[in-house]
Amino acid sequence: MQITMLKSKLHCATVTEANLNYMGSITIDEALMDATGLLDGEMVHVVNNNNGERIVTYIIKGERDSGVICLNGAAARKFQPGDTVIIMAYASMTPEEAREFKPKVVIPERYTNKLV
């Protein structure tokens, strides 16, 4: 049996951009991706702490150390610059693996999204 567990979480990042004229996804600073173990193209759940919106999308790698968190496409109507978000990725594993697994959680510096 496989269960789904939290793999990575970028907690309380700040949205820096919202680009309605792009075909969907979320752009994330490559340094933040590396710190949390997130991968280009990986599915993530994104929660907006300001308005309660939740979406599922995929990651596009952003410029390293830029601090970029950009919601693209239709999500740009639900997430605006300055909003605080939680970005989560999950992994399937056995219950035995899950008991030992520790997710990577990163809390970036507020507003700049730089690593603390």
C-alpha atoms as a PDB file:
ATOM      1  CA  MET A   1       0.000   0.000   0.000  1.00  0.00           C
ATOM      2  CA  GLN A   2       1.136   3.559  -0.772  1.00  0.00           C
ATOM      3  CA  ILE A   3       0.071   6.665   1.117  1.00  0.00           C
ATOM      4  CA  THR A   4       0.510  10.297   0.130  1.00  0.00           C
ATOM      5  CA  MET A   5       2.662  12.405   2.436  1.00  0.00           C
ATOM      6  CA  LEU A   6       3.901  15.984   2.458  1.00  0.00           C
ATOM      7  CA  LYS A   7       7.302  16.014   0.702  1.00  0.00           C
ATOM      8  CA  SER A   8       8.142  19.711   0.568  1.00  0.00           C
ATOM      9  CA  LYS A   9       6.647  22.966   1.807  1.00  0.00           C
ATOM     10  CA  LEU A  10       7.519  26.574   1.096  1.00  0.00           C
ATOM     11  CA  HIS A  11       5.733  28.256   3.997  1.00  0.00           C
ATOM     12  CA  CYS A  12       4.540  31.865   3.932  1.00  0.00           C
ATOM     13  CA  ALA A  13       6.248  32.985   0.738  1.00  0.00           C
ATOM     14  CA  THR A  14       5.166  36.306  -0.749  1.00  0.00           C
ATOM     15  CA  VAL A  15       3.673  36.497  -4.241  1.00  0.00           C
ATOM     16  CA  THR A  16       5.835  38.872  -6.279  1.00  0.00           C
ATOM     17  CA  GLU A  17       3.962  38.730  -9.591  1.00  0.00           C
ATOM     18  CA  ALA A  18       0.697  37.616 -11.172  1.00  0.00           C
ATOM     19  CA  ASN A  19       0.810  37.136 -14.950  1.00  0.00           C
ATOM     20  CA  LEU A  20      -2.639  36.579 -16.444  1.00  0.00           C
ATOM     21  CA  ASN A  21      -1.275  36.319 -20.006  1.00  0.00           C
ATOM     22  CA  TYR A  22       0.707  33.121 -19.439  1.00  0.00           C
ATOM     23  CA  MET A  23      -0.533  29.549 -19.867  1.00  0.00           C
ATOM     24  CA  GLY A  24      -0.752  28.540 -16.213  1.00  0.00           C
ATOM     25  CA  SER A  25       1.731  27.369 -13.584  1.00  0.00           C
ATOM     26  CA  ILE A  26       3.753  28.974 -10.804  1.00  0.00           C
ATOM     27  CA  THR A  27       7.246  30.368 -11.278  1.00  0.00           C
ATOM     28  CA  ILE A  28       9.481  29.843  -8.224  1.00  0.00           C
ATOM     29  CA  ASP A  29      13.005  31.117  -7.538  1.00  0.00           C
ATOM     30  CA  GLU A  30      15.452  28.273  -8.262  1.00  0.00           C
ATOM     31  CA  ALA A  31      17.198  28.769  -4.888  1.00  0.00           C
ATOM     32  CA  LEU A  32      13.883  28.225  -3.082  1.00  0.00           C
ATOM     33  CA  MET A  33      13.235  25.155  -5.224  1.00  0.00           C
ATOM     34  CA  ASP A  34      16.626  23.684  -4.341  1.00  0.00           C
ATOM     35  CA  ALA A  35      16.151  24.401  -0.628  1.00  0.00           C
ATOM     36  CA  THR A  36      12.811  22.569  -0.563  1.00  0.00           C
ATOM     37  CA  GLY A  37      13.629  19.818  -3.057  1.00  0.00           C
ATOM     38  CA  LEU A  38      11.015  21.032  -5.540  1.00  0.00           C
ATOM     39  CA  LEU A  39      11.559  20.204  -9.221  1.00  0.00           C
ATOM     40  CA  ASP A  40      10.828  21.988 -12.475  1.00  0.00           C
ATOM     41  CA  GLY A  41       7.475  20.664 -13.700  1.00  0.00           C
ATOM     42  CA  GLU A  42       6.489  19.141 -10.346  1.00  0.00           C
ATOM     43  CA  MET A  43       2.835  19.315  -9.298  1.00  0.00           C
ATOM     44  CA  VAL A  44       2.180  21.557  -6.305  1.00  0.00           C
ATOM     45  CA  HIS A  45      -0.765  22.721  -4.258  1.00  0.00           C
ATOM     46  CA  VAL A  46      -0.775  26.458  -3.603  1.00  0.00           C
ATOM     47  CA  VAL A  47      -2.819  28.033  -0.801  1.00  0.00           C
ATOM     48  CA  ASN A  48      -3.438  31.785  -0.578  1.00  0.00           C
ATOM     49  CA  ASN A  49      -3.417  32.832   3.093  1.00  0.00           C
ATOM     50  CA  ASN A  50      -5.032  36.173   2.236  1.00  0.00           C
ATOM     51  CA  ASN A  51      -8.221  34.908   0.605  1.00  0.00           C
ATOM     52  CA  GLY A  52      -8.347  31.127   1.105  1.00  0.00           C
ATOM     53  CA  GLU A  53      -7.975  30.236  -2.587  1.00  0.00           C
ATOM     54  CA  ARG A  54      -6.355  26.879  -3.357  1.00  0.00           C
ATOM     55  CA  ILE A  55      -5.010  25.672  -6.688  1.00  0.00           C
ATOM     56  CA  VAL A  56      -3.094  22.736  -8.097  1.00  0.00           C
ATOM     57  CA  THR A  57      -0.511  23.569 -10.748  1.00  0.00           C
ATOM     58  CA  TYR A  58       3.065  22.818 -11.808  1.00  0.00           C
ATOM     59  CA  ILE A  59       6.367  24.599 -11.247  1.00  0.00           C
ATOM     60  CA  ILE A  60       8.422  26.607 -13.707  1.00  0.00           C
ATOM     61  CA  LYS A  61      11.963  27.311 -12.525  1.00  0.00           C
ATOM     62  CA  GLY A  62      12.558  31.026 -11.952  1.00  0.00           C
ATOM     63  CA  GLU A  63      15.799  32.975 -11.861  1.00  0.00           C
ATOM     64  CA  ARG A  64      18.036  31.961  -8.948  1.00  0.00           C
ATOM     65  CA  ASP A  65      18.049  34.412  -6.012  1.00  0.00           C
ATOM     66  CA  SER A  66      15.382  36.590  -7.659  1.00  0.00           C
ATOM     67  CA  GLY A  67      12.806  35.857  -4.946  1.00  0.00           C
ATOM     68  CA  VAL A  68      10.201  35.318  -7.659  1.00  0.00           C
ATOM     69  CA  ILE A  69       6.884  33.692  -6.800  1.00  0.00           C
ATOM     70  CA  CYS A  70       4.679  34.334  -9.831  1.00  0.00           C
ATOM     71  CA  LEU A  71       1.210  32.899 -10.375  1.00  0.00           C
ATOM     72  CA  ASN A  72       0.568  32.519 -14.086  1.00  0.00           C
ATOM     73  CA  GLY A  73      -2.580  32.192 -16.178  1.00  0.00           C
ATOM     74  CA  ALA A  74      -6.005  31.933 -14.557  1.00  0.00           C
ATOM     75  CA  ALA A  75      -4.461  31.768 -11.063  1.00  0.00           C
ATOM     76  CA  ALA A  76      -3.404  35.409 -11.523  1.00  0.00           C
ATOM     77  CA  ARG A  77      -7.041  36.295 -10.824  1.00  0.00           C
ATOM     78  CA  LYS A  78      -6.875  34.537  -7.430  1.00  0.00           C
ATOM     79  CA  PHE A  79      -3.344  35.465  -6.265  1.00  0.00           C
ATOM     80  CA  GLN A  80      -1.936  38.997  -6.282  1.00  0.00           C
ATOM     81  CA  PRO A  81       1.476  40.513  -5.484  1.00  0.00           C
ATOM     82  CA  GLY A  82       1.859  40.822  -1.722  1.00  0.00           C
ATOM     83  CA  ASP A  83      -0.334  37.799  -0.932  1.00  0.00           C
ATOM     84  CA  THR A  84       1.180  35.210   1.384  1.00  0.00           C
ATOM     85  CA  VAL A  85       1.145  31.629   0.069  1.00  0.00           C
ATOM     86  CA  ILE A  86       2.001  28.108   1.124  1.00  0.00           C
ATOM     87  CA  ILE A  87       3.342  25.880  -1.653  1.00  0.00           C
ATOM     88  CA  MET A  88       3.214  22.131  -0.993  1.00  0.00           C
ATOM     89  CA  ALA A  89       4.364  19.035  -2.869  1.00  0.00           C
ATOM     90  CA  TYR A  90       3.490  15.462  -1.949  1.00  0.00           C
ATOM     91  CA  ALA A  91       5.040  12.035  -2.507  1.00  0.00           C
ATOM     92  CA  SER A  92       3.704   8.487  -2.425  1.00  0.00           C
ATOM     93  CA  MET A  93       5.436   6.091  -0.067  1.00  0.00           C
ATOM     94  CA  THR A  94       4.809   3.055   2.038  1.00  0.00           C
ATOM     95  CA  PRO A  95       3.651   3.552   5.638  1.00  0.00           C
ATOM     96  CA  GLU A  96       7.071   2.253   6.732  1.00  0.00           C
ATOM     97  CA  GLU A  97       8.872   4.871   4.632  1.00  0.00           C
ATOM     98  CA  ALA A  98       6.484   7.565   5.863  1.00  0.00           C
ATOM     99  CA  ARG A  99       7.296   6.864   9.506  1.00  0.00           C
ATOM    100  CA  GLU A 100      10.946   7.762   8.861  1.00  0.00           C
ATOM    101  CA  PHE A 101      10.461  10.492   6.252  1.00  0.00           C
ATOM    102  CA  LYS A 102      10.875  14.156   7.167  1.00  0.00           C
ATOM    103  CA  PRO A 103       9.524  16.744   4.721  1.00  0.00           C
ATOM    104  CA  LYS A 104      11.678  19.720   3.727  1.00  0.00           C
ATOM    105  CA  VAL A 105      10.066  22.898   5.052  1.00  0.00           C
ATOM    106  CA  VAL A 106      11.465  26.324   4.205  1.00  0.00           C
ATOM    107  CA  ILE A 107      10.219  29.648   5.568  1.00  0.00           C
ATOM    108  CA  PRO A 108      11.676  32.404   3.396  1.00  0.00           C
ATOM    109  CA  GLU A 109      12.265  35.957   4.545  1.00  0.00           C
ATOM    110  CA  ARG A 110       9.013  37.902   4.402  1.00  0.00           C
ATOM    111  CA  TYR A 111       8.443  40.003   1.250  1.00  0.00           C
ATOM    112  CA  THR A 112      11.830  39.221  -0.355  1.00  0.00           C
ATOM    113  CA  ASN A 113      11.513  35.411  -0.416  1.00  0.00           C
ATOM    114  CA  LYS A 114      15.237  35.141   0.281  1.00  0.00           C
ATOM    115  CA  LEU A 115      16.514  32.191   2.279  1.00  0.00           C
ATOM    116  CA  VAL A 116      16.952  32.987   5.954  1.00  0.00           C
END
